[in-house]
Amino acid sequence: MEMNALSFPTWVIHISSILEWIVALALIWQYGERTQNPAWKHLAWGMLPALVGAMAVVVWHYFDNTPALAWLGRLQGAMTLLGNITLMLAGYSLYRMTRTGQT
């Protein structure tokens, strides 16, 4: 496996972005638990589709964008759309929470 699809610096950015997203998701979940506020957990759940999409496209790149795995690119696009929607809904949930004075 040569992994020619991406340069080394691009791999570093992709992998570090995924790791950063995982850490952010975990911290937001923990904050939701500590504050007993489900809106923060909704945000963590809303982040999952974007993570799945990122992982899908990195796997496809790992295998040099082989046409047999092109469905991973389509999965990434679908998860990005779903993730944008779930993050919008979670953001609205947080907005409503602040409007009612909850923490």
PDB file of N, CA and C in Angstrom:
ATOM      1  N   MET A   1       0.848  -1.180   0.000  1.00  0.00           N
ATOM      2  CA  MET A   1       0.000   0.000   0.000  1.00  0.00           C
ATOM      3  C   MET A   1       0.891   1.240   0.000  1.00  0.00           C
ATOM      4  N   GLU A   2       0.796   2.036  -1.054  1.00  0.00           N
ATOM      5  CA  GLU A   2       1.664   3.199  -1.177  1.00  0.00           C
ATOM      6  C   GLU A   2       1.041   4.484  -0.660  1.00  0.00           C
ATOM      7  N   MET A   3      -0.270   4.565  -0.604  1.00  0.00           N
ATOM      8  CA  MET A   3      -0.975   5.749  -0.129  1.00  0.00           C
ATOM      9  C   MET A   3      -0.543   7.003  -0.892  1.00  0.00           C
ATOM     10  N   ASN A   4      -0.572   6.947  -2.213  1.00  0.00           N
ATOM     11  CA  ASN A   4      -0.183   8.084  -3.037  1.00  0.00           C
ATOM     12  C   ASN A   4      -1.258   9.145  -3.161  1.00  0.00           C
ATOM     13  N   ALA A   5      -2.450   8.860  -2.699  1.00  0.00           N
ATOM     14  CA  ALA A   5      -3.574   9.778  -2.901  1.00  0.00           C
ATOM     15  C   ALA A   5      -3.337  11.132  -2.231  1.00  0.00           C
ATOM     16  N   LEU A   6      -2.643  11.154  -1.124  1.00  0.00           N
ATOM     17  CA  LEU A   6      -2.423  12.395  -0.393  1.00  0.00           C
ATOM     18  C   LEU A   6      -0.960  12.551  -0.020  1.00  0.00           C
ATOM     19  N   SER A   7      -0.509  13.793   0.116  1.00  0.00           N
ATOM     20  CA  SER A   7       0.848  14.051   0.585  1.00  0.00           C
ATOM     21  C   SER A   7       0.916  13.826   2.095  1.00  0.00           C
ATOM     22  N   PHE A   8       2.124  13.696   2.602  1.00  0.00           N
ATOM     23  CA  PHE A   8       2.302  13.479   4.036  1.00  0.00           C
ATOM     24  C   PHE A   8       1.690  14.613   4.868  1.00  0.00           C
ATOM     25  N   PRO A   9       1.947  15.890   4.526  1.00  0.00           N
ATOM     26  CA  PRO A   9       1.317  16.960   5.319  1.00  0.00           C
ATOM     27  C   PRO A   9      -0.214  16.899   5.291  1.00  0.00           C
ATOM     28  N   THR A  10      -0.780  16.498   4.164  1.00  0.00           N
ATOM     29  CA  THR A  10      -2.230  16.388   4.088  1.00  0.00           C
ATOM     30  C   THR A  10      -2.723  15.262   4.974  1.00  0.00           C
ATOM     31  N   TRP A  11      -1.986  14.148   5.034  1.00  0.00           N
ATOM     32  CA  TRP A  11      -2.341  13.059   5.948  1.00  0.00           C
ATOM     33  C   TRP A  11      -2.315  13.546   7.394  1.00  0.00           C
ATOM     34  N   VAL A  12      -1.298  14.317   7.742  1.00  0.00           N
ATOM     35  CA  VAL A  12      -1.194  14.834   9.109  1.00  0.00           C
ATOM     36  C   VAL A  12      -2.409  15.686   9.445  1.00  0.00           C
ATOM     37  N   ILE A  13      -2.813  16.544   8.527  1.00  0.00           N
ATOM     38  CA  ILE A  13      -3.983  17.397   8.758  1.00  0.00           C
ATOM     39  C   ILE A  13      -5.243  16.555   8.907  1.00  0.00           C
ATOM     40  N   HIS A  14      -5.436  15.576   8.012  1.00  0.00           N
ATOM     41  CA  HIS A  14      -6.636  14.730   8.084  1.00  0.00           C
ATOM     42  C   HIS A  14      -6.711  13.963   9.402  1.00  0.00           C
ATOM     43  N   ILE A  15      -5.630  13.312   9.767  1.00  0.00           N
ATOM     44  CA  ILE A  15      -5.623  12.493  10.984  1.00  0.00           C
ATOM     45  C   ILE A  15      -5.773  13.367  12.226  1.00  0.00           C
ATOM     46  N   SER A  16      -5.051  14.481  12.271  1.00  0.00           N
ATOM     47  CA  SER A  16      -5.161  15.341  13.455  1.00  0.00           C
ATOM     48  C   SER A  16      -6.552  15.962  13.563  1.00  0.00           C
ATOM     49  N   SER A  17      -7.180  16.260  12.436  1.00  0.00           N
ATOM     50  CA  SER A  17      -8.545  16.804  12.475  1.00  0.00           C
ATOM     51  C   SER A  17      -9.533  15.781  13.040  1.00  0.00           C
ATOM     52  N   ILE A  18      -9.379  14.534  12.646  1.00  0.00           N
ATOM     53  CA  ILE A  18     -10.251  13.482  13.177  1.00  0.00           C
ATOM     54  C   ILE A  18     -10.031  13.318  14.681  1.00  0.00           C
ATOM     55  N   LEU A  19      -8.782  13.283  15.094  1.00  0.00           N
ATOM     56  CA  LEU A  19      -8.489  13.145  16.526  1.00  0.00           C
ATOM     57  C   LEU A  19      -9.026  14.340  17.313  1.00  0.00           C
ATOM     58  N   GLU A  20      -8.866  15.525  16.760  1.00  0.00           N
ATOM     59  CA  GLU A  20      -9.380  16.736  17.400  1.00  0.00           C
ATOM     60  C   GLU A  20     -10.903  16.682  17.535  1.00  0.00           C
ATOM     61  N   TRP A  21     -11.573  16.185  16.511  1.00  0.00           N
ATOM     62  CA  TRP A  21     -13.039  16.081  16.536  1.00  0.00           C
ATOM     63  C   TRP A  21     -13.482  15.086  17.615  1.00  0.00           C
ATOM     64  N   ILE A  22     -12.756  13.974  17.740  1.00  0.00           N
ATOM     65  CA  ILE A  22     -13.078  12.977  18.760  1.00  0.00           C
ATOM     66  C   ILE A  22     -12.920  13.568  20.161  1.00  0.00           C
ATOM     67  N   VAL A  23     -11.839  14.301  20.373  1.00  0.00           N
ATOM     68  CA  VAL A  23     -11.610  14.925  21.689  1.00  0.00           C
ATOM     69  C   VAL A  23     -12.700  15.952  21.982  1.00  0.00           C
ATOM     70  N   ALA A  24     -13.046  16.776  20.999  1.00  0.00           N
ATOM     71  CA  ALA A  24     -14.095  17.780  21.195  1.00  0.00           C
ATOM     72  C   ALA A  24     -15.425  17.114  21.527  1.00  0.00           C
ATOM     73  N   LEU A  25     -15.748  16.059  20.804  1.00  0.00           N
ATOM     74  CA  LEU A  25     -16.989  15.326  21.051  1.00  0.00           C
ATOM     75  C   LEU A  25     -17.018  14.791  22.482  1.00  0.00           C
ATOM     76  N   ALA A  26     -15.925  14.191  22.915  1.00  0.00           N
ATOM     77  CA  ALA A  26     -15.858  13.626  24.272  1.00  0.00           C
ATOM     78  C   ALA A  26     -15.975  14.722  25.337  1.00  0.00           C
ATOM     79  N   LEU A  27     -15.316  15.846  25.115  1.00  0.00           N
ATOM     80  CA  LEU A  27     -15.383  16.934  26.093  1.00  0.00           C
ATOM     81  C   LEU A  27     -16.790  17.532  26.177  1.00  0.00           C
ATOM     82  N   ILE A  28     -17.440  17.676  25.044  1.00  0.00           N
ATOM     83  CA  ILE A  28     -18.810  18.202  25.038  1.00  0.00           C
ATOM     84  C   ILE A  28     -19.749  17.232  25.753  1.00  0.00           C
ATOM     85  N   TRP A  29     -19.562  15.935  25.515  1.00  0.00           N
ATOM     86  CA  TRP A  29     -20.387  14.931  26.195  1.00  0.00           C
ATOM     87  C   TRP A  29     -20.188  15.020  27.710  1.00  0.00           C
ATOM     88  N   GLN A  30     -18.939  15.107  28.134  1.00  0.00           N
ATOM     89  CA  GLN A  30     -18.653  15.212  29.568  1.00  0.00           C
ATOM     90  C   GLN A  30     -19.271  16.472  30.164  1.00  0.00           C
ATOM     91  N   TYR A  31     -19.218  17.565  29.433  1.00  0.00           N
ATOM     92  CA  TYR A  31     -19.824  18.804  29.915  1.00  0.00           C
ATOM     93  C   TYR A  31     -21.331  18.627  30.076  1.00  0.00           C
ATOM     94  N   GLY A  32     -21.947  17.946  29.130  1.00  0.00           N
ATOM     95  CA  GLY A  32     -23.374  17.659  29.229  1.00  0.00           C
ATOM     96  C   GLY A  32     -23.704  16.834  30.458  1.00  0.00           C
ATOM     97  N   GLU A  33     -22.847  15.874  30.777  1.00  0.00           N
ATOM     98  CA  GLU A  33     -23.064  15.061  31.969  1.00  0.00           C
ATOM     99  C   GLU A  33     -22.900  15.885  33.238  1.00  0.00           C
ATOM    100  N   ARG A  34     -21.867  16.709  33.283  1.00  0.00           N
ATOM    101  CA  ARG A  34     -21.615  17.507  34.489  1.00  0.00           C
ATOM    102  C   ARG A  34     -22.701  18.538  34.752  1.00  0.00           C
ATOM    103  N   THR A  35     -23.205  19.124  33.680  1.00  0.00           N
ATOM    104  CA  THR A  35     -24.236  20.155  33.849  1.00  0.00           C
ATOM    105  C   THR A  35     -25.639  19.569  33.879  1.00  0.00           C
ATOM    106  N   GLN A  36     -25.757  18.268  33.602  1.00  0.00           N
ATOM    107  CA  GLN A  36     -27.062  17.617  33.536  1.00  0.00           C
ATOM    108  C   GLN A  36     -27.973  18.297  32.505  1.00  0.00           C
ATOM    109  N   ASN A  37     -27.362  18.796  31.445  1.00  0.00           N
ATOM    110  CA  ASN A  37     -28.109  19.489  30.401  1.00  0.00           C
ATOM    111  C   ASN A  37     -28.068  18.669  29.124  1.00  0.00           C
ATOM    112  N   PRO A  38     -29.199  18.123  28.708  1.00  0.00           N
ATOM    113  CA  PRO A  38     -29.216  17.254  27.529  1.00  0.00           C
ATOM    114  C   PRO A  38     -28.875  17.973  26.226  1.00  0.00           C
ATOM    115  N   ALA A  39     -28.989  19.284  26.178  1.00  0.00           N
ATOM    116  CA  ALA A  39     -28.674  20.012  24.948  1.00  0.00           C
ATOM    117  C   ALA A  39     -27.213  19.813  24.552  1.00  0.00           C
ATOM    118  N   TRP A  40     -26.324  19.715  25.528  1.00  0.00           N
ATOM    119  CA  TRP A  40     -24.910  19.500  25.214  1.00  0.00           C
ATOM    120  C   TRP A  40     -24.678  18.090  24.687  1.00  0.00           C
ATOM    121  N   LYS A  41     -25.401  17.120  25.208  1.00  0.00           N
ATOM    122  CA  LYS A  41     -25.296  15.767  24.672  1.00  0.00           C
ATOM    123  C   LYS A  41     -25.867  15.699  23.264  1.00  0.00           C
ATOM    124  N   HIS A  42     -26.912  16.488  22.997  1.00  0.00           N
ATOM    125  CA  HIS A  42     -27.451  16.555  21.636  1.00  0.00           C
ATOM    126  C   HIS A  42     -26.375  17.053  20.674  1.00  0.00           C
ATOM    127  N   LEU A  43     -25.588  18.013  21.118  1.00  0.00           N
ATOM    128  CA  LEU A  43     -24.499  18.516  20.282  1.00  0.00           C
ATOM    129  C   LEU A  43     -23.482  17.415  20.003  1.00  0.00           C
ATOM    130  N   ALA A  44     -23.139  16.641  21.024  1.00  0.00           N
ATOM    131  CA  ALA A  44     -22.190  15.536  20.820  1.00  0.00           C
ATOM    132  C   ALA A  44     -22.750  14.519  19.827  1.00  0.00           C
ATOM    133  N   TRP A  45     -24.020  14.166  19.974  1.00  0.00           N
ATOM    134  CA  TRP A  45     -24.634  13.247  19.013  1.00  0.00           C
ATOM    135  C   TRP A  45     -24.634  13.857  17.614  1.00  0.00           C
ATOM    136  N   GLY A  46     -24.879  15.151  17.545  1.00  0.00           N
ATOM    137  CA  GLY A  46     -24.904  15.835  16.260  1.00  0.00           C
ATOM    138  C   GLY A  46     -23.564  15.854  15.564  1.00  0.00           C
ATOM    139  N   MET A  47     -22.493  15.695  16.312  1.00  0.00           N
ATOM    140  CA  MET A  47     -21.146  15.682  15.739  1.00  0.00           C
ATOM    141  C   MET A  47     -20.788  14.335  15.114  1.00  0.00           C
ATOM    142  N   LEU A  48     -21.481  13.283  15.489  1.00  0.00           N
ATOM    143  CA  LEU A  48     -21.113  11.938  15.027  1.00  0.00           C
ATOM    144  C   LEU A  48     -21.158  11.743  13.512  1.00  0.00           C
ATOM    145  N   PRO A  49     -22.195  12.202  12.808  1.00  0.00           N
ATOM    146  CA  PRO A  49     -22.191  11.976  11.359  1.00  0.00           C
ATOM    147  C   PRO A  49     -20.983  12.597  10.652  1.00  0.00           C
ATOM    148  N   ALA A  50     -20.560  13.771  11.084  1.00  0.00           N
ATOM    149  CA  ALA A  50     -19.385  14.397  10.485  1.00  0.00           C
ATOM    150  C   ALA A  50     -18.128  13.555  10.732  1.00  0.00           C
ATOM    151  N   LEU A  51     -18.040  12.964  11.906  1.00  0.00           N
ATOM    152  CA  LEU A  51     -16.906  12.095  12.213  1.00  0.00           C
ATOM    153  C   LEU A  51     -16.914  10.850  11.333  1.00  0.00           C
ATOM    154  N   VAL A  52     -18.081  10.249  11.168  1.00  0.00           N
ATOM    155  CA  VAL A  52     -18.205   9.067  10.302  1.00  0.00           C
ATOM    156  C   VAL A  52     -17.798   9.422   8.873  1.00  0.00           C
ATOM    157  N   GLY A  53     -18.251  10.573   8.396  1.00  0.00           N
ATOM    158  CA  GLY A  53     -17.894  11.003   7.051  1.00  0.00           C
ATOM    159  C   GLY A  53     -16.402  11.214   6.890  1.00  0.00           C
ATOM    160  N   ALA A  54     -15.787  11.838   7.860  1.00  0.00           N
ATOM    161  CA  ALA A  54     -14.338  12.070   7.797  1.00  0.00           C
ATOM    162  C   ALA A  54     -13.577  10.753   7.790  1.00  0.00           C
ATOM    163  N   MET A  55     -14.001   9.824   8.620  1.00  0.00           N
ATOM    164  CA  MET A  55     -13.324   8.530   8.667  1.00  0.00           C
ATOM    165  C   MET A  55     -13.508   7.765   7.358  1.00  0.00           C
ATOM    166  N   ALA A  56     -14.691   7.869   6.760  1.00  0.00           N
ATOM    167  CA  ALA A  56     -14.952   7.170   5.501  1.00  0.00           C
ATOM    168  C   ALA A  56     -14.019   7.657   4.400  1.00  0.00           C
ATOM    169  N   VAL A  57     -13.884   8.962   4.274  1.00  0.00           N
ATOM    170  CA  VAL A  57     -13.056   9.480   3.186  1.00  0.00           C
ATOM    171  C   VAL A  57     -11.569   9.223   3.445  1.00  0.00           C
ATOM    172  N   VAL A  58     -11.154   9.206   4.701  1.00  0.00           N
ATOM    173  CA  VAL A  58      -9.752   8.891   4.996  1.00  0.00           C
ATOM    174  C   VAL A  58      -9.452   7.432   4.646  1.00  0.00           C
ATOM    175  N   VAL A  59     -10.399   6.543   4.920  1.00  0.00           N
ATOM    176  CA  VAL A  59     -10.211   5.138   4.525  1.00  0.00           C
ATOM    177  C   VAL A  59     -10.095   5.034   3.008  1.00  0.00           C
ATOM    178  N   TRP A  60     -10.933   5.759   2.287  1.00  0.00           N
ATOM    179  CA  TRP A  60     -10.868   5.737   0.827  1.00  0.00           C
ATOM    180  C   TRP A  60      -9.517   6.258   0.341  1.00  0.00           C
ATOM    181  N   HIS A  61      -9.032   7.346   0.935  1.00  0.00           N
ATOM    182  CA  HIS A  61      -7.719   7.866   0.570  1.00  0.00           C
ATOM    183  C   HIS A  61      -6.608   6.873   0.901  1.00  0.00           C
ATOM    184  N   TYR A  62      -6.753   6.180   2.021  1.00  0.00           N
ATOM    185  CA  TYR A  62      -5.741   5.200   2.423  1.00  0.00           C
ATOM    186  C   TYR A  62      -5.557   4.140   1.335  1.00  0.00           C
ATOM    187  N   PHE A  63      -6.655   3.773   0.703  1.00  0.00           N
ATOM    188  CA  PHE A  63      -6.595   2.785  -0.369  1.00  0.00           C
ATOM    189  C   PHE A  63      -6.472   3.445  -1.741  1.00  0.00           C
ATOM    190  N   ASP A  64      -5.822   4.611  -1.774  1.00  0.00           N
ATOM    191  CA  ASP A  64      -5.506   5.332  -3.011  1.00  0.00           C
ATOM    192  C   ASP A  64      -6.719   5.610  -3.878  1.00  0.00           C
ATOM    193  N   ASN A  65      -7.830   5.920  -3.249  1.00  0.00           N
ATOM    194  CA  ASN A  65      -9.062   6.285  -3.965  1.00  0.00           C
ATOM    195  C   ASN A  65      -9.464   5.241  -5.008  1.00  0.00           C
ATOM    196  N   THR A  66      -9.296   3.983  -4.667  1.00  0.00           N
ATOM    197  CA  THR A  66      -9.640   2.917  -5.603  1.00  0.00           C
ATOM    198  C   THR A  66     -11.117   3.009  -5.998  1.00  0.00           C
ATOM    199  N   PRO A  67     -11.419   2.856  -7.278  1.00  0.00           N
ATOM    200  CA  PRO A  67     -12.805   2.980  -7.733  1.00  0.00           C
ATOM    201  C   PRO A  67     -13.767   2.013  -7.034  1.00  0.00           C
ATOM    202  N   ALA A  68     -13.278   0.862  -6.615  1.00  0.00           N
ATOM    203  CA  ALA A  68     -14.149  -0.102  -5.935  1.00  0.00           C
ATOM    204  C   ALA A  68     -14.670   0.441  -4.598  1.00  0.00           C
ATOM    205  N   LEU A  69     -13.983   1.422  -4.043  1.00  0.00           N
ATOM    206  CA  LEU A  69     -14.393   2.014  -2.766  1.00  0.00           C
ATOM    207  C   LEU A  69     -14.958   3.419  -2.935  1.00  0.00           C
ATOM    208  N   ALA A  70     -15.338   3.770  -4.151  1.00  0.00           N
ATOM    209  CA  ALA A  70     -15.870   5.109  -4.409  1.00  0.00           C
ATOM    210  C   ALA A  70     -17.117   5.394  -3.572  1.00  0.00           C
ATOM    211  N   TRP A  71     -17.813   4.348  -3.159  1.00  0.00           N
ATOM    212  CA  TRP A  71     -18.993   4.538  -2.310  1.00  0.00           C
ATOM    213  C   TRP A  71     -18.630   5.224  -0.997  1.00  0.00           C
ATOM    214  N   LEU A  72     -17.375   5.090  -0.565  1.00  0.00           N
ATOM    215  CA  LEU A  72     -16.955   5.782   0.662  1.00  0.00           C
ATOM    216  C   LEU A  72     -16.979   7.296   0.469  1.00  0.00           C
ATOM    217  N   GLY A  73     -16.649   7.759  -0.725  1.00  0.00           N
ATOM    218  CA  GLY A  73     -16.734   9.182  -1.020  1.00  0.00           C
ATOM    219  C   GLY A  73     -18.172   9.668  -0.989  1.00  0.00           C
ATOM    220  N   ARG A  74     -19.076   8.847  -1.511  1.00  0.00           N
ATOM    221  CA  ARG A  74     -20.500   9.198  -1.466  1.00  0.00           C
ATOM    222  C   ARG A  74     -21.023   9.157  -0.029  1.00  0.00           C
ATOM    223  N   LEU A  75     -20.545   8.183   0.750  1.00  0.00           N
ATOM    224  CA  LEU A  75     -20.925   8.113   2.161  1.00  0.00           C
ATOM    225  C   LEU A  75     -20.463   9.373   2.888  1.00  0.00           C
ATOM    226  N   GLN A  76     -19.262   9.819   2.586  1.00  0.00           N
ATOM    227  CA  GLN A  76     -18.743  11.039   3.208  1.00  0.00           C
ATOM    228  C   GLN A  76     -19.644  12.227   2.889  1.00  0.00           C
ATOM    229  N   GLY A  77     -20.055  12.352   1.647  1.00  0.00           N
ATOM    230  CA  GLY A  77     -20.937  13.451   1.274  1.00  0.00           C
ATOM    231  C   GLY A  77     -22.269  13.384   1.999  1.00  0.00           C
ATOM    232  N   ALA A  78     -22.840  12.189   2.074  1.00  0.00           N
ATOM    233  CA  ALA A  78     -24.123  12.015   2.769  1.00  0.00           C
ATOM    234  C   ALA A  78     -23.982  12.311   4.259  1.00  0.00           C
ATOM    235  N   MET A  79     -22.888  11.867   4.859  1.00  0.00           N
ATOM    236  CA  MET A  79     -22.678  12.118   6.286  1.00  0.00           C
ATOM    237  C   MET A  79     -22.417  13.589   6.559  1.00  0.00           C
ATOM    238  N   THR A  80     -21.776  14.279   5.621  1.00  0.00           N
ATOM    239  CA  THR A  80     -21.576  15.722   5.777  1.00  0.00           C
ATOM    240  C   THR A  80     -22.921  16.435   5.779  1.00  0.00           C
ATOM    241  N   LEU A  81     -23.790  16.066   4.840  1.00  0.00           N
ATOM    242  CA  LEU A  81     -25.130  16.664   4.804  1.00  0.00           C
ATOM    243  C   LEU A  81     -25.890  16.365   6.096  1.00  0.00           C
ATOM    244  N   LEU A  82     -25.919  15.096   6.489  1.00  0.00           N
ATOM    245  CA  LEU A  82     -26.610  14.721   7.720  1.00  0.00           C
ATOM    246  C   LEU A  82     -25.995  15.426   8.922  1.00  0.00           C
ATOM    247  N   GLY A  83     -24.662  15.479   8.974  1.00  0.00           N
ATOM    248  CA  GLY A  83     -23.977  16.140  10.084  1.00  0.00           C
ATOM    249  C   GLY A  83     -24.294  17.625  10.165  1.00  0.00           C
ATOM    250  N   ASN A  84     -24.376  18.285   9.011  1.00  0.00           N
ATOM    251  CA  ASN A  84     -24.730  19.703   9.020  1.00  0.00           C
ATOM    252  C   ASN A  84     -26.139  19.901   9.577  1.00  0.00           C
ATOM    253  N   ILE A  85     -27.041  18.999   9.212  1.00  0.00           N
ATOM    254  CA  ILE A  85     -28.417  19.095   9.712  1.00  0.00           C
ATOM    255  C   ILE A  85     -28.467  18.824  11.212  1.00  0.00           C
ATOM    256  N   THR A  86     -27.791  17.765  11.670  1.00  0.00           N
ATOM    257  CA  THR A  86     -27.832  17.440  13.101  1.00  0.00           C
ATOM    258  C   THR A  86     -27.136  18.510  13.936  1.00  0.00           C
ATOM    259  N   LEU A  87     -26.074  19.104  13.419  1.00  0.00           N
ATOM    260  CA  LEU A  87     -25.414  20.180  14.151  1.00  0.00           C
ATOM    261  C   LEU A  87     -26.283  21.434  14.198  1.00  0.00           C
ATOM    262  N   MET A  88     -27.019  21.690  13.118  1.00  0.00           N
ATOM    263  CA  MET A  88     -27.942  22.817  13.122  1.00  0.00           C
ATOM    264  C   MET A  88     -29.017  22.611  14.191  1.00  0.00           C
ATOM    265  N   LEU A  89     -29.570  21.400  14.251  1.00  0.00           N
ATOM    266  CA  LEU A  89     -30.606  21.112  15.240  1.00  0.00           C
ATOM    267  C   LEU A  89     -30.054  21.202  16.664  1.00  0.00           C
ATOM    268  N   ALA A  90     -28.842  20.694  16.856  1.00  0.00           N
ATOM    269  CA  ALA A  90     -28.224  20.767  18.184  1.00  0.00           C
ATOM    270  C   ALA A  90     -27.928  22.215  18.557  1.00  0.00           C
ATOM    271  N   GLY A  91     -27.489  23.005  17.594  1.00  0.00           N
ATOM    272  CA  GLY A  91     -27.248  24.427  17.847  1.00  0.00           C
ATOM    273  C   GLY A  91     -28.528  25.141  18.233  1.00  0.00           C
ATOM    274  N   TYR A  92     -29.614  24.799  17.572  1.00  0.00           N
ATOM    275  CA  TYR A  92     -30.905  25.395  17.916  1.00  0.00           C
ATOM    276  C   TYR A  92     -31.320  24.976  19.327  1.00  0.00           C
ATOM    277  N   SER A  93     -31.054  23.735  19.676  1.00  0.00           N
ATOM    278  CA  SER A  93     -31.363  23.253  21.025  1.00  0.00           C
ATOM    279  C   SER A  93     -30.577  24.059  22.066  1.00  0.00           C
ATOM    280  N   LEU A  94     -29.304  24.313  21.789  1.00  0.00           N
ATOM    281  CA  LEU A  94     -28.487  25.124  22.709  1.00  0.00           C
ATOM    282  C   LEU A  94     -29.011  26.563  22.773  1.00  0.00           C
ATOM    283  N   TYR A  95     -29.403  27.098  21.636  1.00  0.00           N
ATOM    284  CA  TYR A  95     -29.977  28.449  21.603  1.00  0.00           C
ATOM    285  C   TYR A  95     -31.224  28.525  22.476  1.00  0.00           C
ATOM    286  N   ARG A  96     -32.114  27.550  22.322  1.00  0.00           N
ATOM    287  CA  ARG A  96     -33.334  27.528  23.135  1.00  0.00           C
ATOM    288  C   ARG A  96     -32.998  27.425  24.613  1.00  0.00           C
ATOM    289  N   MET A  97     -31.977  26.651  24.931  1.00  0.00           N
ATOM    290  CA  MET A  97     -31.562  26.496  26.319  1.00  0.00           C
ATOM    291  C   MET A  97     -31.125  27.836  26.891  1.00  0.00           C
ATOM    292  N   THR A  98     -30.369  28.622  26.139  1.00  0.00           N
ATOM    293  CA  THR A  98     -29.899  29.907  26.652  1.00  0.00           C
ATOM    294  C   THR A  98     -31.055  30.905  26.779  1.00  0.00           C
ATOM    295  N   ARG A  99     -32.026  30.787  25.910  1.00  0.00           N
ATOM    296  CA  ARG A  99     -33.176  31.693  25.964  1.00  0.00           C
ATOM    297  C   ARG A  99     -34.035  31.435  27.205  1.00  0.00           C
ATOM    298  N   THR A 100     -34.024  30.196  27.711  1.00  0.00           N
ATOM    299  CA  THR A 100     -34.809  29.871  28.903  1.00  0.00           C
ATOM    300  C   THR A 100     -34.003  30.026  30.178  1.00  0.00           C
ATOM    301  N   GLY A 101     -32.720  30.396  30.046  1.00  0.00           N
ATOM    302  CA  GLY A 101     -31.891  30.651  31.227  1.00  0.00           C
ATOM    303  C   GLY A 101     -31.250  29.416  31.830  1.00  0.00           C
ATOM    304  N   GLN A 102     -31.304  28.277  31.130  1.00  0.00           N
ATOM    305  CA  GLN A 102     -30.638  27.093  31.646  1.00  0.00           C
ATOM    306  C   GLN A 102     -29.148  27.188  31.389  1.00  0.00           C
ATOM    307  N   THR A 103     -28.367  26.378  32.107  1.00  0.00           N
ATOM    308  CA  THR A 103     -26.916  26.383  31.892  1.00  0.00           C
ATOM    309  C   THR A 103     -26.451  25.119  31.265  1.00  0.00           C
TER     310      THR A 103
END
